[in-house]
Amino acid sequence: MHQRQRGISFIGFIVVLAVVGFFLFLAMKIGPTYIEYYSIRNAVNKVAAEAQGADINTIRRAMDRQMTIDYADSYKPEFVRVIRDGNQLNLVLNYEIRKPLIYNLDFVAKFQHSAPISQP
């Protein structure tokens, strides 16, 4: 008795390839936004750790300098604020990015992070 071959057909392979390709496309479009967020987040943590006793203008300049080093294209100074919570100062990152995905479809990513500023 002959057994029939089992496996994926050519049409099934094309469908699987299309689905995998679609998700790879999404990763290529959305991935850099998250990589940039983690770069900005690390800069916020670094500046907050080094901003002991500094005034707000010094903190802003340090953030701008760090973003120049990290090549964060989407960064704007208004993304970061210094907020007082009781006796604690926090460097708060809060922003939203909207980028094109396919034709007239965009994706929106909202990011938020807070780092305590060390007190002298």
PDB file of N, CA and C in Angstrom:
ATOM      1  N   MET A   1       0.831  -1.177   0.000  1.00  0.00           N
ATOM      2  CA  MET A   1       0.000   0.000   0.000  1.00  0.00           C
ATOM      3  C   MET A   1       0.880   1.246   0.000  1.00  0.00           C
ATOM      4  N   HIS A   2       0.473   2.167  -0.806  1.00  0.00           N
ATOM      5  CA  HIS A   2       1.193   3.440  -0.877  1.00  0.00           C
ATOM      6  C   HIS A   2       0.618   4.410   0.139  1.00  0.00           C
ATOM      7  N   GLN A   3       1.514   5.109   0.795  1.00  0.00           N
ATOM      8  CA  GLN A   3       1.048   6.183   1.687  1.00  0.00           C
ATOM      9  C   GLN A   3       1.142   7.502   0.945  1.00  0.00           C
ATOM     10  N   ARG A   4       0.181   8.354   1.228  1.00  0.00           N
ATOM     11  CA  ARG A   4       0.200   9.680   0.602  1.00  0.00           C
ATOM     12  C   ARG A   4       1.216  10.548   1.312  1.00  0.00           C
ATOM     13  N   GLN A   5       1.833  11.411   0.563  1.00  0.00           N
ATOM     14  CA  GLN A   5       2.765  12.358   1.170  1.00  0.00           C
ATOM     15  C   GLN A   5       2.003  13.344   2.025  1.00  0.00           C
ATOM     16  N   ARG A   6       2.591  13.699   3.113  1.00  0.00           N
ATOM     17  CA  ARG A   6       1.967  14.699   3.982  1.00  0.00           C
ATOM     18  C   ARG A   6       2.929  15.846   4.138  1.00  0.00           C
ATOM     19  N   GLY A   7       2.377  17.017   4.212  1.00  0.00           N
ATOM     20  CA  GLY A   7       3.201  18.212   4.349  1.00  0.00           C
ATOM     21  C   GLY A   7       2.435  19.403   3.842  1.00  0.00           C
ATOM     22  N   ILE A   8       3.130  20.466   3.694  1.00  0.00           N
ATOM     23  CA  ILE A   8       2.493  21.710   3.287  1.00  0.00           C
ATOM     24  C   ILE A   8       2.503  21.790   1.760  1.00  0.00           C
ATOM     25  N   SER A   9       1.400  22.247   1.215  1.00  0.00           N
ATOM     26  CA  SER A   9       1.327  22.404  -0.238  1.00  0.00           C
ATOM     27  C   SER A   9       1.972  23.731  -0.635  1.00  0.00           C
ATOM     28  N   PHE A  10       2.131  23.927  -1.916  1.00  0.00           N
ATOM     29  CA  PHE A  10       2.739  25.161  -2.410  1.00  0.00           C
ATOM     30  C   PHE A  10       1.885  26.371  -2.030  1.00  0.00           C
ATOM     31  N   ILE A  11       0.577  26.252  -2.166  1.00  0.00           N
ATOM     32  CA  ILE A  11      -0.330  27.355  -1.811  1.00  0.00           C
ATOM     33  C   ILE A  11      -0.249  27.621  -0.308  1.00  0.00           C
ATOM     34  N   GLY A  12      -0.208  26.570   0.497  1.00  0.00           N
ATOM     35  CA  GLY A  12      -0.067  26.729   1.944  1.00  0.00           C
ATOM     36  C   GLY A  12       1.246  27.412   2.298  1.00  0.00           C
ATOM     37  N   PHE A  13       2.318  27.040   1.593  1.00  0.00           N
ATOM     38  CA  PHE A  13       3.624  27.660   1.815  1.00  0.00           C
ATOM     39  C   PHE A  13       3.584  29.154   1.489  1.00  0.00           C
ATOM     40  N   ILE A  14       2.924  29.521   0.408  1.00  0.00           N
ATOM     41  CA  ILE A  14       2.799  30.934   0.018  1.00  0.00           C
ATOM     42  C   ILE A  14       2.017  31.703   1.077  1.00  0.00           C
ATOM     43  N   VAL A  15       0.958  31.117   1.608  1.00  0.00           N
ATOM     44  CA  VAL A  15       0.157  31.774   2.645  1.00  0.00           C
ATOM     45  C   VAL A  15       0.995  31.975   3.909  1.00  0.00           C
ATOM     46  N   VAL A  16       1.709  30.943   4.323  1.00  0.00           N
ATOM     47  CA  VAL A  16       2.576  31.066   5.507  1.00  0.00           C
ATOM     48  C   VAL A  16       3.653  32.116   5.257  1.00  0.00           C
ATOM     49  N   LEU A  17       4.235  32.120   4.085  1.00  0.00           N
ATOM     50  CA  LEU A  17       5.256  33.097   3.738  1.00  0.00           C
ATOM     51  C   LEU A  17       4.698  34.519   3.757  1.00  0.00           C
ATOM     52  N   ALA A  18       3.472  34.707   3.289  1.00  0.00           N
ATOM     53  CA  ALA A  18       2.843  36.033   3.302  1.00  0.00           C
ATOM     54  C   ALA A  18       2.592  36.508   4.728  1.00  0.00           C
ATOM     55  N   VAL A  19       2.129  35.619   5.598  1.00  0.00           N
ATOM     56  CA  VAL A  19       1.874  35.995   6.994  1.00  0.00           C
ATOM     57  C   VAL A  19       3.182  36.345   7.695  1.00  0.00           C
ATOM     58  N   VAL A  20       4.200  35.528   7.523  1.00  0.00           N
ATOM     59  CA  VAL A  20       5.506  35.805   8.128  1.00  0.00           C
ATOM     60  C   VAL A  20       6.076  37.111   7.568  1.00  0.00           C
ATOM     61  N   GLY A  21       5.940  37.324   6.272  1.00  0.00           N
ATOM     62  CA  GLY A  21       6.421  38.565   5.658  1.00  0.00           C
ATOM     63  C   GLY A  21       5.706  39.787   6.202  1.00  0.00           C
ATOM     64  N   PHE A  22       4.395  39.674   6.424  1.00  0.00           N
ATOM     65  CA  PHE A  22       3.634  40.787   6.976  1.00  0.00           C
ATOM     66  C   PHE A  22       4.135  41.151   8.380  1.00  0.00           C
ATOM     67  N   PHE A  23       4.350  40.143   9.209  1.00  0.00           N
ATOM     68  CA  PHE A  23       4.831  40.421  10.563  1.00  0.00           C
ATOM     69  C   PHE A  23       6.265  40.944  10.570  1.00  0.00           C
ATOM     70  N   LEU A  24       7.091  40.491   9.640  1.00  0.00           N
ATOM     71  CA  LEU A  24       8.435  41.052   9.511  1.00  0.00           C
ATOM     72  C   LEU A  24       8.373  42.517   9.070  1.00  0.00           C
ATOM     73  N   PHE A  25       7.452  42.826   8.164  1.00  0.00           N
ATOM     74  CA  PHE A  25       7.254  44.207   7.730  1.00  0.00           C
ATOM     75  C   PHE A  25       6.853  45.088   8.914  1.00  0.00           C
ATOM     76  N   LEU A  26       5.899  44.601   9.732  1.00  0.00           N
ATOM     77  CA  LEU A  26       5.487  45.352  10.918  1.00  0.00           C
ATOM     78  C   LEU A  26       6.658  45.566  11.873  1.00  0.00           C
ATOM     79  N   ALA A  27       7.454  44.543  12.076  1.00  0.00           N
ATOM     80  CA  ALA A  27       8.608  44.658  12.972  1.00  0.00           C
ATOM     81  C   ALA A  27       9.612  45.676  12.444  1.00  0.00           C
ATOM     82  N   MET A  28       9.798  45.720  11.126  1.00  0.00           N
ATOM     83  CA  MET A  28      10.742  46.687  10.548  1.00  0.00           C
ATOM     84  C   MET A  28      10.227  48.109  10.655  1.00  0.00           C
ATOM     85  N   LYS A  29       8.915  48.304  10.632  1.00  0.00           N
ATOM     86  CA  LYS A  29       8.341  49.653  10.728  1.00  0.00           C
ATOM     87  C   LYS A  29       8.236  50.121  12.178  1.00  0.00           C
ATOM     88  N   ILE A  30       7.854  49.222  13.086  1.00  0.00           N
ATOM     89  CA  ILE A  30       7.589  49.596  14.470  1.00  0.00           C
ATOM     90  C   ILE A  30       8.833  49.440  15.351  1.00  0.00           C
ATOM     91  N   GLY A  31       9.678  48.494  15.057  1.00  0.00           N
ATOM     92  CA  GLY A  31      10.863  48.212  15.868  1.00  0.00           C
ATOM     93  C   GLY A  31      11.760  49.411  16.147  1.00  0.00           C
ATOM     94  N   PRO A  32      12.119  50.203  15.138  1.00  0.00           N
ATOM     95  CA  PRO A  32      12.990  51.357  15.396  1.00  0.00           C
ATOM     96  C   PRO A  32      12.393  52.371  16.381  1.00  0.00           C
ATOM     97  N   THR A  33      11.067  52.472  16.422  1.00  0.00           N
ATOM     98  CA  THR A  33      10.419  53.377  17.366  1.00  0.00           C
ATOM     99  C   THR A  33      10.676  52.924  18.796  1.00  0.00           C
ATOM    100  N   TYR A  34      10.605  51.630  19.040  1.00  0.00           N
ATOM    101  CA  TYR A  34      10.869  51.111  20.381  1.00  0.00           C
ATOM    102  C   TYR A  34      12.348  51.181  20.724  1.00  0.00           C
ATOM    103  N   ILE A  35      13.208  50.945  19.771  1.00  0.00           N
ATOM    104  CA  ILE A  35      14.646  51.068  20.016  1.00  0.00           C
ATOM    105  C   ILE A  35      14.982  52.508  20.402  1.00  0.00           C
ATOM    106  N   GLU A  36      14.377  53.466  19.700  1.00  0.00           N
ATOM    107  CA  GLU A  36      14.601  54.879  20.019  1.00  0.00           C
ATOM    108  C   GLU A  36      14.050  55.227  21.402  1.00  0.00           C
ATOM    109  N   TYR A  37      12.891  54.667  21.752  1.00  0.00           N
ATOM    110  CA  TYR A  37      12.334  54.899  23.091  1.00  0.00           C
ATOM    111  C   TYR A  37      13.298  54.422  24.166  1.00  0.00           C
ATOM    112  N   TYR A  38      13.866  53.219  24.006  1.00  0.00           N
ATOM    113  CA  TYR A  38      14.792  52.714  25.016  1.00  0.00           C
ATOM    114  C   TYR A  38      16.054  53.562  25.081  1.00  0.00           C
ATOM    115  N   SER A  39      16.466  54.136  23.981  1.00  0.00           N
ATOM    116  CA  SER A  39      17.608  55.049  23.978  1.00  0.00           C
ATOM    117  C   SER A  39      17.280  56.317  24.766  1.00  0.00           C
ATOM    118  N   ILE A  40      16.094  56.888  24.532  1.00  0.00           N
ATOM    119  CA  ILE A  40      15.677  58.086  25.263  1.00  0.00           C
ATOM    120  C   ILE A  40      15.495  57.757  26.741  1.00  0.00           C
ATOM    121  N   ARG A  41      14.918  56.608  27.025  1.00  0.00           N
ATOM    122  CA  ARG A  41      14.709  56.188  28.415  1.00  0.00           C
ATOM    123  C   ARG A  41      16.039  56.044  29.158  1.00  0.00           C
ATOM    124  N   ASN A  42      17.034  55.435  28.513  1.00  0.00           N
ATOM    125  CA  ASN A  42      18.350  55.312  29.131  1.00  0.00           C
ATOM    126  C   ASN A  42      18.977  56.682  29.366  1.00  0.00           C
ATOM    127  N   ALA A  43      18.763  57.612  28.438  1.00  0.00           N
ATOM    128  CA  ALA A  43      19.289  58.969  28.614  1.00  0.00           C
ATOM    129  C   ALA A  43      18.621  59.652  29.799  1.00  0.00           C
ATOM    130  N   VAL A  44      17.306  59.464  29.959  1.00  0.00           N
ATOM    131  CA  VAL A  44      16.588  60.042  31.102  1.00  0.00           C
ATOM    132  C   VAL A  44      17.149  59.482  32.398  1.00  0.00           C
ATOM    133  N   ASN A  45      17.365  58.174  32.457  1.00  0.00           N
ATOM    134  CA  ASN A  45      17.925  57.560  33.660  1.00  0.00           C
ATOM    135  C   ASN A  45      19.323  58.090  33.965  1.00  0.00           C
ATOM    136  N   LYS A  46      20.134  58.232  32.931  1.00  0.00           N
ATOM    137  CA  LYS A  46      21.506  58.708  33.114  1.00  0.00           C
ATOM    138  C   LYS A  46      21.524  60.154  33.584  1.00  0.00           C
ATOM    139  N   VAL A  47      20.722  61.010  32.946  1.00  0.00           N
ATOM    140  CA  VAL A  47      20.683  62.425  33.332  1.00  0.00           C
ATOM    141  C   VAL A  47      20.122  62.574  34.742  1.00  0.00           C
ATOM    142  N   ALA A  48      19.099  61.802  35.083  1.00  0.00           N
ATOM    143  CA  ALA A  48      18.518  61.875  36.429  1.00  0.00           C
ATOM    144  C   ALA A  48      19.527  61.442  37.481  1.00  0.00           C
ATOM    145  N   ALA A  49      20.334  60.456  37.173  1.00  0.00           N
ATOM    146  CA  ALA A  49      21.345  59.990  38.124  1.00  0.00           C
ATOM    147  C   ALA A  49      22.463  61.011  38.310  1.00  0.00           C
ATOM    148  N   GLU A  50      22.758  61.774  37.267  1.00  0.00           N
ATOM    149  CA  GLU A  50      23.855  62.742  37.319  1.00  0.00           C
ATOM    150  C   GLU A  50      23.400  64.156  37.675  1.00  0.00           C
ATOM    151  N   ALA A  51      22.094  64.385  37.825  1.00  0.00           N
ATOM    152  CA  ALA A  51      21.559  65.740  38.002  1.00  0.00           C
ATOM    153  C   ALA A  51      21.439  66.147  39.469  1.00  0.00           C
ATOM    154  N   GLN A  52      22.260  65.624  40.300  1.00  0.00           N
ATOM    155  CA  GLN A  52      22.184  65.909  41.725  1.00  0.00           C
ATOM    156  C   GLN A  52      22.405  67.397  41.996  1.00  0.00           C
ATOM    157  N   GLY A  53      21.353  68.056  42.472  1.00  0.00           N
ATOM    158  CA  GLY A  53      21.441  69.473  42.833  1.00  0.00           C
ATOM    159  C   GLY A  53      21.458  70.436  41.656  1.00  0.00           C
ATOM    160  N   ALA A  54      21.211  69.979  40.444  1.00  0.00           N
ATOM    161  CA  ALA A  54      21.250  70.847  39.265  1.00  0.00           C
ATOM    162  C   ALA A  54      19.910  71.559  39.090  1.00  0.00           C
ATOM    163  N   ASP A  55      19.957  72.728  38.440  1.00  0.00           N
ATOM    164  CA  ASP A  55      18.702  73.434  38.156  1.00  0.00           C
ATOM    165  C   ASP A  55      18.077  72.879  36.871  1.00  0.00           C
ATOM    166  N   ILE A  56      16.866  73.327  36.581  1.00  0.00           N
ATOM    167  CA  ILE A  56      16.101  72.777  35.459  1.00  0.00           C
ATOM    168  C   ILE A  56      16.794  73.035  34.120  1.00  0.00           C
ATOM    169  N   ASN A  57      17.363  74.218  33.931  1.00  0.00           N
ATOM    170  CA  ASN A  57      18.044  74.524  32.663  1.00  0.00           C
ATOM    171  C   ASN A  57      19.255  73.619  32.450  1.00  0.00           C
ATOM    172  N   THR A  58      19.981  73.336  33.503  1.00  0.00           N
ATOM    173  CA  THR A  58      21.135  72.439  33.397  1.00  0.00           C
ATOM    174  C   THR A  58      20.679  71.028  33.029  1.00  0.00           C
ATOM    175  N   ILE A  59      19.568  70.613  33.614  1.00  0.00           N
ATOM    176  CA  ILE A  59      19.025  69.284  33.297  1.00  0.00           C
ATOM    177  C   ILE A  59      18.583  69.229  31.839  1.00  0.00           C
ATOM    178  N   ARG A  60      17.935  70.272  31.353  1.00  0.00           N
ATOM    179  CA  ARG A  60      17.510  70.304  29.939  1.00  0.00           C
ATOM    180  C   ARG A  60      18.707  70.260  28.986  1.00  0.00           C
ATOM    181  N   ARG A  61      19.748  71.031  29.316  1.00  0.00           N
ATOM    182  CA  ARG A  61      20.956  71.009  28.473  1.00  0.00           C
ATOM    183  C   ARG A  61      21.604  69.628  28.484  1.00  0.00           C
ATOM    184  N   ALA A  62      21.622  68.997  29.652  1.00  0.00           N
ATOM    185  CA  ALA A  62      22.199  67.650  29.735  1.00  0.00           C
ATOM    186  C   ALA A  62      21.383  66.653  28.904  1.00  0.00           C
ATOM    187  N   MET A  63      20.063  66.801  28.920  1.00  0.00           N
ATOM    188  CA  MET A  63      19.202  65.927  28.110  1.00  0.00           C
ATOM    189  C   MET A  63      19.452  66.165  26.623  1.00  0.00           C
ATOM    190  N   ASP A  64      19.526  67.430  26.217  1.00  0.00           N
ATOM    191  CA  ASP A  64      19.792  67.744  24.808  1.00  0.00           C
ATOM    192  C   ASP A  64      21.144  67.189  24.370  1.00  0.00           C
ATOM    193  N   ARG A  65      22.142  67.320  25.220  1.00  0.00           N
ATOM    194  CA  ARG A  65      23.479  66.817  24.894  1.00  0.00           C
ATOM    195  C   ARG A  65      23.446  65.288  24.769  1.00  0.00           C
ATOM    196  N   GLN A  66      22.740  64.631  25.668  1.00  0.00           N
ATOM    197  CA  GLN A  66      22.647  63.175  25.621  1.00  0.00           C
ATOM    198  C   GLN A  66      21.909  62.709  24.369  1.00  0.00           C
ATOM    199  N   MET A  67      20.882  63.446  23.956  1.00  0.00           N
ATOM    200  CA  MET A  67      20.137  63.072  22.750  1.00  0.00           C
ATOM    201  C   MET A  67      20.971  63.303  21.497  1.00  0.00           C
ATOM    202  N   THR A  68      21.852  64.276  21.524  1.00  0.00           N
ATOM    203  CA  THR A  68      22.763  64.489  20.402  1.00  0.00           C
ATOM    204  C   THR A  68      23.725  63.308  20.284  1.00  0.00           C
ATOM    205  N   ILE A  69      24.159  62.803  21.410  1.00  0.00           N
ATOM    206  CA  ILE A  69      25.071  61.655  21.414  1.00  0.00           C
ATOM    207  C   ILE A  69      24.347  60.401  20.933  1.00  0.00           C
ATOM    208  N   ASP A  70      23.105  60.212  21.360  1.00  0.00           N
ATOM    209  CA  ASP A  70      22.353  58.994  21.055  1.00  0.00           C
ATOM    210  C   ASP A  70      21.642  59.015  19.706  1.00  0.00           C
ATOM    211  N   TYR A  71      21.685  60.120  18.983  1.00  0.00           N
ATOM    212  CA  TYR A  71      21.050  60.232  17.662  1.00  0.00           C
ATOM    213  C   TYR A  71      19.562  59.899  17.689  1.00  0.00           C
ATOM    214  N   ALA A  72      18.850  60.413  18.664  1.00  0.00           N
ATOM    215  CA  ALA A  72      17.407  60.185  18.744  1.00  0.00           C
ATOM    216  C   ALA A  72      16.714  61.248  17.896  1.00  0.00           C
ATOM    217  N   ASP A  73      16.225  60.862  16.725  1.00  0.00           N
ATOM    218  CA  ASP A  73      15.642  61.811  15.777  1.00  0.00           C
ATOM    219  C   ASP A  73      14.295  62.355  16.233  1.00  0.00           C
ATOM    220  N   SER A  74      13.503  61.545  16.920  1.00  0.00           N
ATOM    221  CA  SER A  74      12.160  61.964  17.313  1.00  0.00           C
ATOM    222  C   SER A  74      12.134  62.808  18.575  1.00  0.00           C
ATOM    223  N   TYR A  75      13.244  62.897  19.283  1.00  0.00           N
ATOM    224  CA  TYR A  75      13.269  63.591  20.572  1.00  0.00           C
ATOM    225  C   TYR A  75      13.026  65.087  20.406  1.00  0.00           C
ATOM    226  N   LYS A  76      12.168  65.606  21.287  1.00  0.00           N
ATOM    227  CA  LYS A  76      11.936  67.044  21.396  1.00  0.00           C
ATOM    228  C   LYS A  76      12.057  67.410  22.870  1.00  0.00           C
ATOM    229  N   PRO A  77      12.566  68.598  23.179  1.00  0.00           N
ATOM    230  CA  PRO A  77      12.748  68.970  24.588  1.00  0.00           C
ATOM    231  C   PRO A  77      11.471  68.914  25.422  1.00  0.00           C
ATOM    232  N   GLU A  78      10.314  69.110  24.801  1.00  0.00           N
ATOM    233  CA  GLU A  78       9.067  69.087  25.576  1.00  0.00           C
ATOM    234  C   GLU A  78       8.649  67.670  25.990  1.00  0.00           C
ATOM    235  N   PHE A  79       9.362  66.655  25.546  1.00  0.00           N
ATOM    236  CA  PHE A  79       9.068  65.283  25.961  1.00  0.00           C
ATOM    237  C   PHE A  79       9.426  65.049  27.428  1.00  0.00           C
ATOM    238  N   VAL A  80      10.367  65.821  27.945  1.00  0.00           N
ATOM    239  CA  VAL A  80      10.888  65.595  29.289  1.00  0.00           C
ATOM    240  C   VAL A  80      10.562  66.788  30.171  1.00  0.00           C
ATOM    241  N   ARG A  81      10.043  66.490  31.358  1.00  0.00           N
ATOM    242  CA  ARG A  81       9.729  67.540  32.331  1.00  0.00           C
ATOM    243  C   ARG A  81      10.285  67.144  33.689  1.00  0.00           C
ATOM    244  N   VAL A  82      10.561  68.157  34.493  1.00  0.00           N
ATOM    245  CA  VAL A  82      10.954  67.931  35.879  1.00  0.00           C
ATOM    246  C   VAL A  82       9.721  68.196  36.729  1.00  0.00           C
ATOM    247  N   ILE A  83       9.321  67.189  37.496  1.00  0.00           N
ATOM    248  CA  ILE A  83       8.110  67.294  38.311  1.00  0.00           C
ATOM    249  C   ILE A  83       8.476  67.022  39.768  1.00  0.00           C
ATOM    250  N   ARG A  84       7.952  67.880  40.657  1.00  0.00           N
ATOM    251  CA  ARG A  84       8.173  67.694  42.087  1.00  0.00           C
ATOM    252  C   ARG A  84       7.020  66.874  42.652  1.00  0.00           C
ATOM    253  N   ASP A  85       7.374  65.782  43.322  1.00  0.00           N
ATOM    254  CA  ASP A  85       6.394  64.919  43.980  1.00  0.00           C
ATOM    255  C   ASP A  85       6.760  64.890  45.463  1.00  0.00           C
ATOM    256  N   GLY A  86       6.167  65.802  46.221  1.00  0.00           N
ATOM    257  CA  GLY A  86       6.542  65.944  47.630  1.00  0.00           C
ATOM    258  C   GLY A  86       7.924  66.565  47.711  1.00  0.00           C
ATOM    259  N   ASN A  87       8.854  65.873  48.345  1.00  0.00           N
ATOM    260  CA  ASN A  87      10.244  66.343  48.426  1.00  0.00           C
ATOM    261  C   ASN A  87      11.107  65.775  47.314  1.00  0.00           C
ATOM    262  N   GLN A  88      10.565  64.876  46.533  1.00  0.00           N
ATOM    263  CA  GLN A  88      11.321  64.192  45.479  1.00  0.00           C
ATOM    264  C   GLN A  88      11.115  64.864  44.124  1.00  0.00           C
ATOM    265  N   LEU A  89      12.215  65.098  43.406  1.00  0.00           N
ATOM    266  CA  LEU A  89      12.144  65.579  42.027  1.00  0.00           C
ATOM    267  C   LEU A  89      12.242  64.378  41.096  1.00  0.00           C
ATOM    268  N   ASN A  90      11.397  64.370  40.073  1.00  0.00           N
ATOM    269  CA  ASN A  90      11.408  63.297  39.083  1.00  0.00           C
ATOM    270  C   ASN A  90      11.597  63.874  37.698  1.00  0.00           C
ATOM    271  N   LEU A  91      12.383  63.191  36.902  1.00  0.00           N
ATOM    272  CA  LEU A  91      12.532  63.515  35.497  1.00  0.00           C
ATOM    273  C   LEU A  91      11.551  62.611  34.753  1.00  0.00           C
ATOM    274  N   VAL A  92      10.505  63.209  34.157  1.00  0.00           N
ATOM    275  CA  VAL A  92       9.406  62.445  33.574  1.00  0.00           C
ATOM    276  C   VAL A  92       9.457  62.546  32.051  1.00  0.00           C
ATOM    277  N   LEU A  93       9.472  61.393  31.417  1.00  0.00           N
ATOM    278  CA  LEU A  93       9.435  61.293  29.965  1.00  0.00           C
ATOM    279  C   LEU A  93       8.013  60.896  29.583  1.00  0.00           C
ATOM    280  N   ASN A  94       7.378  61.690  28.737  1.00  0.00           N
ATOM    281  CA  ASN A  94       6.007  61.412  28.335  1.00  0.00           C
ATOM    282  C   ASN A  94       5.817  61.943  26.920  1.00  0.00           C
ATOM    283  N   TYR A  95       5.609  61.042  25.964  1.00  0.00           N
ATOM    284  CA  TYR A  95       5.401  61.492  24.591  1.00  0.00           C
ATOM    285  C   TYR A  95       4.654  60.451  23.778  1.00  0.00           C
ATOM    286  N   GLU A  96       4.208  60.913  22.620  1.00  0.00           N
ATOM    287  CA  GLU A  96       3.450  60.076  21.690  1.00  0.00           C
ATOM    288  C   GLU A  96       4.057  60.256  20.305  1.00  0.00           C
ATOM    289  N   ILE A  97       4.251  59.169  19.623  1.00  0.00           N
ATOM    290  CA  ILE A  97       4.807  59.184  18.266  1.00  0.00           C
ATOM    291  C   ILE A  97       3.756  58.630  17.315  1.00  0.00           C
ATOM    292  N   ARG A  98       3.579  59.303  16.211  1.00  0.00           N
ATOM    293  CA  ARG A  98       2.672  58.843  15.155  1.00  0.00           C
ATOM    294  C   ARG A  98       3.512  58.746  13.871  1.00  0.00           C
ATOM    295  N   LYS A  99       3.565  57.539  13.312  1.00  0.00           N
ATOM    296  CA  LYS A  99       4.348  57.318  12.091  1.00  0.00           C
ATOM    297  C   LYS A  99       3.515  56.541  11.081  1.00  0.00           C
ATOM    298  N   PRO A 100       3.776  56.757   9.790  1.00  0.00           N
ATOM    299  CA  PRO A 100       3.020  56.028   8.762  1.00  0.00           C
ATOM    300  C   PRO A 100       3.373  54.541   8.765  1.00  0.00           C
ATOM    301  N   LEU A 101       2.364  53.740   8.481  1.00  0.00           N
ATOM    302  CA  LEU A 101       2.573  52.299   8.431  1.00  0.00           C
ATOM    303  C   LEU A 101       2.392  51.799   6.998  1.00  0.00           C
ATOM    304  N   ILE A 102       1.161  51.870   6.487  1.00  0.00           N
ATOM    305  CA  ILE A 102       0.857  51.461   5.112  1.00  0.00           C
ATOM    306  C   ILE A 102      -0.118  52.478   4.539  1.00  0.00           C
ATOM    307  N   TYR A 103       0.222  53.080   3.447  1.00  0.00           N
ATOM    308  CA  TYR A 103      -0.614  54.066   2.760  1.00  0.00           C
ATOM    309  C   TYR A 103      -1.158  55.093   3.734  1.00  0.00           C
ATOM    310  N   ASN A 104      -2.468  55.099   3.994  1.00  0.00           N
ATOM    311  CA  ASN A 104      -3.036  56.108   4.885  1.00  0.00           C
ATOM    312  C   ASN A 104      -3.233  55.573   6.307  1.00  0.00           C
ATOM    313  N   LEU A 105      -2.619  54.460   6.627  1.00  0.00           N
ATOM    314  CA  LEU A 105      -2.681  53.915   7.982  1.00  0.00           C
ATOM    315  C   LEU A 105      -1.424  54.316   8.751  1.00  0.00           C
ATOM    316  N   ASP A 106      -1.623  54.812   9.961  1.00  0.00           N
ATOM    317  CA  ASP A 106      -0.523  55.190  10.841  1.00  0.00           C
ATOM    318  C   ASP A 106      -0.565  54.301  12.077  1.00  0.00           C
ATOM    319  N   PHE A 107       0.570  54.219  12.755  1.00  0.00           N
ATOM    320  CA  PHE A 107       0.558  53.604  14.078  1.00  0.00           C
ATOM    321  C   PHE A 107       0.940  54.674  15.082  1.00  0.00           C
ATOM    322  N   VAL A 108       0.364  54.560  16.258  1.00  0.00           N
ATOM    323  CA  VAL A 108       0.600  55.512  17.335  1.00  0.00           C
ATOM    324  C   VAL A 108       1.206  54.750  18.497  1.00  0.00           C
ATOM    325  N   ALA A 109       2.287  55.298  19.032  1.00  0.00           N
ATOM    326  CA  ALA A 109       2.934  54.689  20.199  1.00  0.00           C
ATOM    327  C   ALA A 109       3.035  55.748  21.288  1.00  0.00           C
ATOM    328  N   LYS A 110       2.561  55.420  22.491  1.00  0.00           N
ATOM    329  CA  LYS A 110       2.647  56.320  23.637  1.00  0.00           C
ATOM    330  C   LYS A 110       3.666  55.751  24.602  1.00  0.00           C
ATOM    331  N   PHE A 111       4.577  56.621  25.032  1.00  0.00           N
ATOM    332  CA  PHE A 111       5.627  56.183  25.938  1.00  0.00           C
ATOM    333  C   PHE A 111       5.638  57.056  27.172  1.00  0.00           C
ATOM    334  N   GLN A 112       5.905  56.432  28.322  1.00  0.00           N
ATOM    335  CA  GLN A 112       5.961  57.152  29.579  1.00  0.00           C
ATOM    336  C   GLN A 112       6.985  56.476  30.483  1.00  0.00           C
ATOM    337  N   HIS A 113       7.833  57.299  31.117  1.00  0.00           N
ATOM    338  CA  HIS A 113       8.854  56.778  32.018  1.00  0.00           C
ATOM    339  C   HIS A 113       9.198  57.877  33.011  1.00  0.00           C
ATOM    340  N   SER A 114       9.525  57.492  34.215  1.00  0.00           N
ATOM    341  CA  SER A 114       9.893  58.454  35.247  1.00  0.00           C
ATOM    342  C   SER A 114      11.148  57.970  35.953  1.00  0.00           C
ATOM    343  N   ALA A 115      12.066  58.900  36.224  1.00  0.00           N
ATOM    344  CA  ALA A 115      13.298  58.572  36.939  1.00  0.00           C
ATOM    345  C   ALA A 115      13.514  59.595  38.051  1.00  0.00           C
ATOM    346  N   PRO A 116      13.764  59.133  39.262  1.00  0.00           N
ATOM    347  CA  PRO A 116      13.983  60.082  40.360  1.00  0.00           C
ATOM    348  C   PRO A 116      15.330  60.774  40.227  1.00  0.00           C
ATOM    349  N   ILE A 117      15.336  62.064  40.509  1.00  0.00           N
ATOM    350  CA  ILE A 117      16.569  62.843  40.496  1.00  0.00           C
ATOM    351  C   ILE A 117      17.161  62.744  41.894  1.00  0.00           C
ATOM    352  N   SER A 118      18.406  62.306  41.964  1.00  0.00           N
ATOM    353  CA  SER A 118      19.042  62.129  43.273  1.00  0.00           C
ATOM    354  C   SER A 118      19.237  63.488  43.942  1.00  0.00           C
ATOM    355  N   GLN A 119      18.952  63.526  45.229  1.00  0.00           N
ATOM    356  CA  GLN A 119      19.053  64.763  46.019  1.00  0.00           C
ATOM    357  C   GLN A 119      20.433  64.835  46.662  1.00  0.00           C
ATOM    358  N   PRO A 120      20.965  66.058  46.828  1.00  0.00           N
ATOM    359  CA  PRO A 120      22.288  66.191  47.466  1.00  0.00           C
ATOM    360  C   PRO A 120      22.257  65.853  48.940  1.00  0.00           C
TER     361      PRO A 120
END
